[in-house]
Each structure stands twice: as structure tokens, then as C-alpha cells.
């Protein structure tokens, strides 16, 4: 049963969008800071952190479809998907805080702690984000209203990304006062509390209006069999994997890039904010371009440019832009330049 005549209020659209902001308070932190946190603050090796990420991603590939099946078969007085936003709100906040907390354990204890907290965090993230994403499809059956919901969601997601990528590192330095472990813990504590509050707002302000046919029957085996035969879905699935691999690799190494290669960690936040601004410009500009040239062609050109500009980072020369007075420039040309510690 679908109520296509119902128009969604601005209040409900904003309430729904709060959920994406909440998720991004944690997701953006994981994407941009987690690897650097594990190696430079938490105290595990890069190899151990990389193995951890690999193990968790394999587990995600198993757990996500399972979670989708469970959410789709949930039936409560609140609906199918809204309850999951509420049920996972507090666990999400707790795990976001614990994942960026450094315990007083030995090397093996820390590694075990990292595995437990990260795996549980990603499970809670899946239990929250998969139903949240599906929620827009049952809030309204009107395609125009769904598009409007997505627009609100994008604005709030980008706003949260601006906050995380632009303010997190300054907050870590401010709260930590030289102790990055304390800084990360307090910073993520604040964002975790905000995430919980925002998820509760999403639950309270939204309503599921699209109800499935009670006579409709579905088979999990048949669902997966249908997907395996769906060529366009398989193509999008493979492409999505490559896109997220690119995002994860770029997000994971950028802090290292500015901290150790450029020597200006303070520029990292500015770089992120500029990147997000460019993303917004690209999204706004993609609509008229897609109308004129087609979505597929614009997407292909966009991916090609992403490859070119990502690879161009290799060509950027190391330059002397360190601020610290403990370093002094020496060298007569860009081809014979290096840093020397002055000892002062």
C-alpha cells in the first residue's frame, strides 16, 4: 500500500537528513583519521593496522547482506527500518567513542582491543546505515519527494563532513594539549554524543508510509539468485568497490602525506575543506551536464579525471614549507634541496 499523495514536510526531511549527518560524524572520522590514529597514537604497526582493515572488510562482506535480510523482514509498530535507527543509536555512539580510545594495555592487548572495537563498530554501522538508507524508500512513494529527501540528506552529510574534516584535528590538538590519545578520545566523545542525539531526532521525526503487500512472499535464496543474474547491478557493484577502495586509500594516507611528506600537518584541515567545497561544486554542476550529455557520459569523464588528478599527486615535488624553527632550508635549487635540523 503506497500513499503517493502525501507530501513530506520540511521538518521530516530535515529530521531524516540528521541521520546522515550522525553517521558521517563517525564514518568520516574512520575514513580520514583511523589509520593515522592506530599507527601514530594508538601504537600498533602499519602492517597490523592494514591486516585489521582487511579482516574487518571481509567480515563486512558477509555481515552486510545478512543485515539487509534481517532489516527487510523486521516488522514492528514503528515499521521495518525506523526501529533500527533507534536501536543502534546508543551502541553506535559508544563504539565510536571506544574505537578512538587508547587503553593502557600492552601491544597484544591493544591489538585485540582494536580488533574487537573496530569489528563491533562496523557491525553496528551496518545495522544502522543499511536500514537508514532504505528508510527513504518507505517514507514516501513519490519520486519527486524522494529526490528532495536525497537533496536534504546530501546537504547534511556534507555539513558533517566539513565539521569532521575541517575541525577534528584542531580539536584533537586543543583538547589533547600534546596528548593526542586524550585529544582523539574527547573529540570523538563529542561527535559520538551528537550522533546519538541526531539519530533519535531522525527516529522521532520520520514515518514509514509505504507498506508492502501482505500477500507478497520472498525467498532469500531467490533474491541472491536474481542479483547474480542482474548484469547492471553486478557492474555497479564492481564499480562501487573500486570507488570505495580509492576513497579509503586516499583518506587513509592524506594525513601522513601532510604530516611527513609536506611537513605541514596544519594544512590538512584546509585541504579537506577545499576538497569538500570542490565536491559540492561538482555535484551542483553535474545536473546541467547530465541533462545535456547524459548521466553515463558525465560519470565516465568524472571517473577519468579522478584517475588523472589522483595519480598527479606522485608528481608533486617535496618542498620546504615547514614552519618549525627547528628546520632550516639548504640547497641552491629545487633539484638539490633538503632539510637539515639546526639544533635550535
Protein backbone atom coordinates (compact mmCIF):
# COMPACT_ATOMS: atom_id res chain seq x y z
CA UNK A 1 0.00 0.00 0.00
CA UNK A 2 1.51 3.32 -1.09
CA UNK A 3 0.35 6.81 -0.14
CA UNK A 4 1.69 8.76 -3.11
CA UNK A 5 -0.43 11.80 -2.37
CA UNK A 6 1.33 12.59 0.90
CA UNK A 7 3.83 15.43 0.68
CA UNK A 8 6.72 15.35 3.11
CA UNK A 9 7.12 18.33 5.38
CA UNK A 10 10.39 20.22 5.65
CA UNK A 11 10.55 19.14 9.29
CA UNK A 12 10.52 15.46 8.30
CA UNK A 13 13.05 16.00 5.51
CA UNK A 14 15.41 17.76 7.91
CA UNK A 15 14.81 15.08 10.53
CA UNK A 16 15.66 12.35 8.05
CA UNK A 17 18.79 14.22 6.93
CA UNK A 18 20.02 14.43 10.53
CA UNK A 19 20.58 10.67 10.33
CA UNK A 20 23.17 11.00 7.57
CA UNK A 21 24.93 13.76 9.50
CA UNK A 22 25.02 11.47 12.53
CA UNK A 23 26.51 8.57 10.58
CA UNK A 24 29.13 10.81 8.99
CA UNK A 25 30.36 12.04 12.37
CA UNK A 26 31.76 8.52 12.81
CA UNK A 27 32.23 7.37 9.21
CA UNK A 28 34.26 10.41 8.14
CA UNK A 29 36.47 10.05 11.19
CA UNK A 30 37.13 6.41 10.28
CA UNK A 31 37.78 7.28 6.65
CA UNK A 32 40.21 10.13 7.29
CA UNK A 33 41.82 9.60 10.69
CA UNK A 34 41.58 5.98 11.76
CA UNK A 35 44.75 4.61 10.14
CA UNK A 36 46.87 7.51 11.37
CA UNK A 37 45.28 7.19 14.81
CA UNK A 38 46.13 3.49 15.02
CA UNK A 39 49.78 3.93 14.00
CA UNK A 40 50.74 7.33 15.45
CA UNK A 41 48.57 7.49 18.58
CA UNK A 42 47.21 4.05 19.45
CA UNK A 43 50.60 2.44 18.92
CA UNK A 44 50.21 -0.50 16.54
CA UNK A 45 52.23 -1.03 13.39
CA UNK A 46 51.02 -0.08 9.93
CA UNK A 47 51.12 -3.76 8.91
CA UNK A 48 48.93 -4.74 11.87
CA UNK A 49 46.50 -1.92 11.11
CA UNK A 50 46.34 -2.90 7.43
CA UNK A 51 45.64 -6.52 8.34
CA UNK A 52 42.94 -5.36 10.74
CA UNK A 53 41.23 -3.35 8.00
CA UNK A 54 41.39 -6.32 5.62
CA UNK A 55 39.85 -8.72 8.15
CA UNK A 56 37.07 -6.30 9.02
CA UNK A 57 36.22 -5.66 5.37
CA UNK A 58 35.93 -9.40 4.69
CA UNK A 59 33.60 -9.71 7.68
CA UNK A 60 31.57 -6.75 6.38
CA UNK A 61 31.09 -8.54 3.07
CA UNK A 62 29.41 -11.38 5.00
CA UNK A 63 27.52 -9.34 7.58
CA UNK A 64 26.05 -6.63 5.34
CA UNK A 65 23.85 -8.94 3.20
CA UNK A 66 22.75 -10.73 6.38
CA UNK A 67 21.80 -7.40 7.95
CA UNK A 68 19.88 -6.41 4.85
CA UNK A 69 17.85 -9.62 5.01
CA UNK A 70 17.11 -9.12 8.71
CA UNK A 71 16.07 -5.47 8.30
CA UNK A 72 13.82 -6.25 5.34
CA UNK A 73 11.99 -8.85 7.43
CA UNK A 74 11.61 -6.71 10.54
CA UNK A 75 8.03 -5.88 11.47
CA UNK A 76 7.20 -3.61 14.41
CA UNK A 77 4.60 -0.96 15.23
CA UNK A 78 7.23 1.62 14.17
CA UNK A 79 7.85 -0.02 10.80
CA UNK A 80 10.69 -2.02 9.28
CA UNK A 81 13.61 0.39 9.19
CA UNK A 82 12.97 3.22 11.67
CA UNK A 83 13.42 0.93 14.72
CA UNK A 84 16.96 0.07 13.66
CA UNK A 85 17.90 3.76 13.62
CA UNK A 86 16.74 3.99 17.26
CA UNK A 87 18.05 0.63 18.46
CA UNK A 88 21.57 1.26 17.14
CA UNK A 89 21.88 4.95 18.12
CA UNK A 90 23.45 4.49 21.57
CA UNK A 91 25.61 1.45 20.60
CA UNK A 92 26.88 3.44 17.60
CA UNK A 93 27.90 6.36 19.81
CA UNK A 94 29.53 4.11 22.40
CA UNK A 95 31.54 2.16 19.82
CA UNK A 96 32.59 5.34 18.01
CA UNK A 97 33.99 6.62 21.30
CA UNK A 98 35.66 3.33 22.31
CA UNK A 99 37.27 2.81 18.88
CA UNK A 100 39.17 6.09 19.25
CA UNK A 101 40.11 5.42 22.89
CA UNK A 102 43.65 4.28 23.72
CA UNK A 103 43.71 1.75 26.61
CA UNK A 104 46.70 1.17 28.90
CA UNK A 105 47.38 -2.30 27.52
CA UNK A 106 50.47 -4.00 26.15
CA UNK A 107 51.00 -4.45 22.38
CA UNK A 108 48.97 -7.66 22.14
CA UNK A 109 46.23 -6.31 24.38
CA UNK A 110 45.95 -3.15 22.28
CA UNK A 111 45.75 -5.15 19.07
CA UNK A 112 42.99 -7.35 20.49
CA UNK A 113 41.15 -4.25 21.72
CA UNK A 114 41.44 -2.69 18.24
CA UNK A 115 40.01 -5.80 16.58
CA UNK A 116 37.06 -6.05 18.97
CA UNK A 117 36.09 -2.38 18.93
CA UNK A 118 36.51 -1.91 15.17
CA UNK A 119 34.62 -5.08 14.22
CA UNK A 120 31.74 -4.27 16.59
CA UNK A 121 31.67 -0.66 15.38
CA UNK A 122 31.35 -1.76 11.74
CA UNK A 123 28.61 -4.25 12.63
CA UNK A 124 26.66 -1.54 14.42
CA UNK A 125 27.30 0.81 11.48
CA UNK A 126 25.82 -1.75 9.08
CA UNK A 127 22.84 -2.38 11.38
CA UNK A 128 22.23 1.35 11.41
CA UNK A 129 23.12 2.58 7.94
CA UNK A 130 21.53 -0.11 5.78
CA UNK A 131 18.04 0.38 7.29
CA UNK A 132 18.56 4.15 7.34
CA UNK A 133 19.34 4.17 3.61
CA UNK A 134 16.28 2.01 2.90
CA UNK A 135 14.10 4.29 5.01
CA UNK A 136 13.79 6.93 2.28
CA UNK A 137 12.05 4.39 0.06
CA UNK A 138 9.26 3.81 2.59
CA UNK A 139 8.82 7.38 3.81
CA UNK A 140 7.12 8.25 0.53
CA UNK A 141 6.29 6.67 -2.79
CA UNK A 142 6.51 9.98 -4.63
CA UNK A 143 9.69 10.09 -6.74
CA UNK A 144 9.95 13.87 -6.53
CA UNK A 145 9.72 13.73 -2.75
CA UNK A 146 12.36 11.00 -2.63
CA UNK A 147 14.65 13.19 -4.72
CA UNK A 148 14.04 16.06 -2.31
CA UNK A 149 14.84 13.78 0.64
CA UNK A 150 18.13 12.84 -1.03
CA UNK A 151 18.98 16.52 -1.54
CA UNK A 152 18.44 17.28 2.15
CA UNK A 153 20.44 14.20 3.06
CA UNK A 154 23.35 15.30 0.87
CA UNK A 155 23.45 18.79 2.43
CA UNK A 156 23.55 17.40 5.96
CA UNK A 157 26.10 14.72 5.07
CA UNK A 158 28.40 17.30 3.52
CA UNK A 159 27.93 19.60 6.52
CA UNK A 160 29.02 16.80 8.86
CA UNK A 161 31.97 16.03 6.59
CA UNK A 162 33.00 19.71 6.73
CA UNK A 163 32.91 19.60 10.52
CA UNK A 164 34.85 16.34 10.83
CA UNK A 165 37.49 17.01 8.19
CA UNK A 166 37.89 20.69 8.99
CA UNK A 167 37.68 20.76 12.80
CA UNK A 168 38.69 17.32 14.09
CA UNK A 169 42.45 17.82 14.00
CA UNK A 170 42.33 21.30 15.61
CA UNK A 171 40.02 19.83 18.27
CA UNK A 172 42.43 16.96 18.91
CA UNK A 173 45.26 19.44 19.44
CA UNK A 174 43.10 21.71 21.61
CA UNK A 175 41.72 19.03 23.92
CA UNK A 176 44.90 16.95 23.97
CA UNK A 177 47.41 19.75 24.61
CA UNK A 178 50.17 17.49 23.29
CA UNK A 179 48.45 14.23 24.30
CA UNK A 180 46.86 13.03 21.05
CA UNK A 181 45.27 9.99 22.73
CA UNK A 182 43.31 12.26 25.08
CA UNK A 183 42.56 14.64 22.21
CA UNK A 184 41.09 11.93 19.99
CA UNK A 185 39.08 10.48 22.86
CA UNK A 186 37.48 13.79 23.81
CA UNK A 187 36.90 14.86 20.21
CA UNK A 188 35.21 11.59 19.27
CA UNK A 189 33.28 11.68 22.52
CA UNK A 190 31.68 14.95 21.46
CA UNK A 191 30.90 13.72 17.95
CA UNK A 192 29.54 10.42 19.30
CA UNK A 193 27.10 12.22 21.61
CA UNK A 194 25.94 14.39 18.70
CA UNK A 195 25.46 11.27 16.57
CA UNK A 196 23.21 9.66 19.19
CA UNK A 197 21.09 12.81 19.51
CA UNK A 198 20.76 13.16 15.73
CA UNK A 199 19.72 9.52 15.28
CA UNK A 200 16.99 9.92 17.90
CA UNK A 201 15.76 13.03 16.06
CA UNK A 202 15.58 11.02 12.83
CA UNK A 203 13.53 8.32 14.51
CA UNK A 204 11.12 10.79 16.12
CA UNK A 205 10.52 12.94 13.04
CA UNK A 206 10.06 10.32 10.30
CA UNK A 207 7.23 7.96 9.41
CA UNK A 208 7.03 4.88 7.21
CA UNK A 209 4.13 5.30 4.81
CA UNK A 210 4.89 2.73 2.11
CA UNK A 211 3.72 -0.70 3.21
CA UNK A 212 4.47 -3.92 1.30
CA UNK A 213 1.71 -6.16 0.02
CA UNK A 214 0.91 -8.54 2.93
CA UNK A 215 0.47 -11.37 0.40
CA UNK A 216 3.94 -10.79 -1.04
CA UNK A 217 6.34 -13.64 -0.38
CA UNK A 218 10.10 -13.52 -0.82
CA UNK A 219 12.92 -16.01 -0.69
CA UNK A 220 16.43 -15.10 0.40
CA UNK A 221 17.89 -17.68 -1.97
CA UNK A 222 15.84 -16.33 -4.87
CA UNK A 223 16.81 -12.75 -4.03
CA UNK A 224 20.52 -13.57 -4.26
CA UNK A 225 19.98 -15.66 -7.39
CA UNK A 226 18.24 -12.71 -9.06
CA UNK A 227 21.12 -10.39 -8.17
CA UNK A 228 23.67 -12.80 -9.61
CA UNK A 229 21.84 -12.63 -12.95
CA UNK A 230 21.44 -8.85 -12.93
CA UNK A 231 24.21 -7.52 -15.19
CA UNK A 232 23.76 -3.79 -14.47
CA UNK A 233 23.71 -4.46 -10.73
CA UNK A 234 26.91 -6.51 -10.94
CA UNK A 235 28.60 -3.74 -12.93
CA UNK A 236 27.59 -1.07 -10.41
CA UNK A 237 28.64 -3.37 -7.56
CA UNK A 238 32.14 -3.84 -9.02
CA UNK A 239 32.48 -0.13 -9.77
CA UNK A 240 31.37 0.79 -6.25
CA UNK A 241 34.10 -1.44 -4.82
CA UNK A 242 36.78 0.36 -6.85
CA UNK A 243 35.39 3.78 -5.91
CA UNK A 244 35.41 2.99 -2.21
CA UNK A 245 38.89 1.47 -2.44
CA UNK A 246 40.05 4.79 -3.91
CA UNK A 247 38.28 6.79 -1.20
CA UNK A 248 39.69 4.59 1.56
CA UNK A 249 43.25 4.72 0.23
CA UNK A 250 43.19 8.47 -0.32
CA UNK A 251 41.51 9.17 3.00
CA UNK A 252 43.89 6.89 4.89
CA UNK A 253 47.15 8.34 3.57
CA UNK A 254 46.40 12.08 3.33
CA UNK A 255 47.17 12.84 6.97
CA UNK A 256 50.51 11.02 6.59
CA UNK A 257 51.12 12.96 3.38
CA UNK A 258 50.77 16.34 5.03
CA UNK A 259 52.43 15.33 8.30
CA UNK A 260 55.52 13.55 6.98
CA UNK A 261 55.94 14.46 3.31
CA UNK A 262 54.76 18.07 3.16
CA UNK A 263 55.76 18.73 6.77
CA UNK A 264 52.67 20.90 7.36
CA UNK A 265 50.05 18.97 9.31
CA UNK A 266 48.22 22.26 9.88
CA UNK A 267 47.34 22.37 6.16
CA UNK A 268 45.50 19.05 6.31
CA UNK A 269 42.20 20.51 7.51
CA UNK A 270 42.32 23.32 4.94
CA UNK A 271 42.97 20.77 2.20
CA UNK A 272 39.95 18.73 3.29
CA UNK A 273 37.64 21.73 3.38
CA UNK A 274 38.75 22.79 -0.11
CA UNK A 275 38.17 19.25 -1.36
CA UNK A 276 34.65 19.16 0.05
CA UNK A 277 33.91 22.55 -1.49
CA UNK A 278 35.03 21.19 -4.86
CA UNK A 279 32.78 18.15 -4.33
CA UNK A 280 29.76 20.38 -3.76
CA UNK A 281 30.57 22.41 -6.89
CA UNK A 282 30.90 19.18 -8.85
CA UNK A 283 27.56 17.84 -7.62
CA UNK A 284 25.80 21.11 -8.46
CA UNK A 285 27.43 21.25 -11.89
CA UNK A 286 26.71 17.60 -12.69
CA UNK A 287 22.96 18.18 -13.02
CA UNK A 288 23.06 20.50 -16.08
CA UNK A 289 25.91 18.48 -17.59
CA UNK A 290 23.93 15.25 -17.21
CA UNK A 291 20.89 16.82 -18.85
CA UNK A 292 22.98 17.86 -21.84
CA UNK A 293 25.37 14.94 -22.28
CA UNK A 294 23.75 12.10 -20.32
CA UNK A 295 24.49 10.70 -16.87
CA UNK A 296 26.69 7.87 -18.10
CA UNK A 297 28.95 10.11 -20.18
CA UNK A 298 29.38 12.62 -17.35
CA UNK A 299 30.13 9.78 -14.94
CA UNK A 300 32.76 8.30 -17.28
CA UNK A 301 34.50 11.66 -17.69
CA UNK A 302 34.35 12.26 -13.96
CA UNK A 303 35.98 8.90 -13.20
CA UNK A 304 38.69 9.54 -15.80
CA UNK A 305 39.50 12.93 -14.27
CA UNK A 306 39.58 11.34 -10.81
CA UNK A 307 42.22 8.89 -12.03
CA UNK A 308 44.31 11.66 -13.58
CA UNK A 309 44.26 14.01 -10.59
CA UNK A 310 44.80 11.23 -8.07
CA UNK A 311 47.84 9.99 -9.99
CA UNK A 312 49.14 13.57 -10.26
CA UNK A 313 50.00 13.53 -6.55
CA UNK A 314 53.03 11.43 -7.48
CA UNK A 315 54.40 14.37 -9.50
CA UNK A 316 54.20 16.93 -6.69
CA UNK A 317 57.77 17.71 -5.52
CA UNK A 318 58.73 17.84 -1.89
CA UNK A 319 59.21 21.47 -0.92
CA UNK A 320 60.44 23.43 2.07
CA UNK A 321 57.30 24.70 3.79
CA UNK A 322 57.97 23.57 7.32
CA UNK A 323 57.12 26.22 9.86
CA UNK A 324 59.17 24.88 12.76
CA UNK A 325 62.27 26.86 13.58
CA UNK A 326 63.99 23.54 14.21
CA UNK A 327 64.33 23.13 10.45
CA UNK A 328 66.35 25.21 8.03
CA UNK A 329 66.32 25.22 4.28
CA UNK A 330 69.53 24.43 2.49
CA UNK A 331 70.16 23.96 -1.22
CA UNK A 332 70.74 26.05 -4.29
CA UNK A 333 67.99 24.61 -6.50
CA UNK A 334 64.84 22.52 -6.39
CA UNK A 335 66.86 19.56 -7.61
CA UNK A 336 69.42 19.87 -4.79
CA UNK A 337 67.36 20.75 -1.78
CA UNK A 338 66.94 19.10 1.59
CA UNK A 339 66.13 19.75 5.21
CA UNK A 340 68.74 19.96 7.92
CA UNK A 341 67.98 20.11 11.63
CA UNK A 342 69.56 23.30 13.02
CA UNK A 343 69.61 22.01 16.58
CA UNK A 344 67.79 25.09 17.93
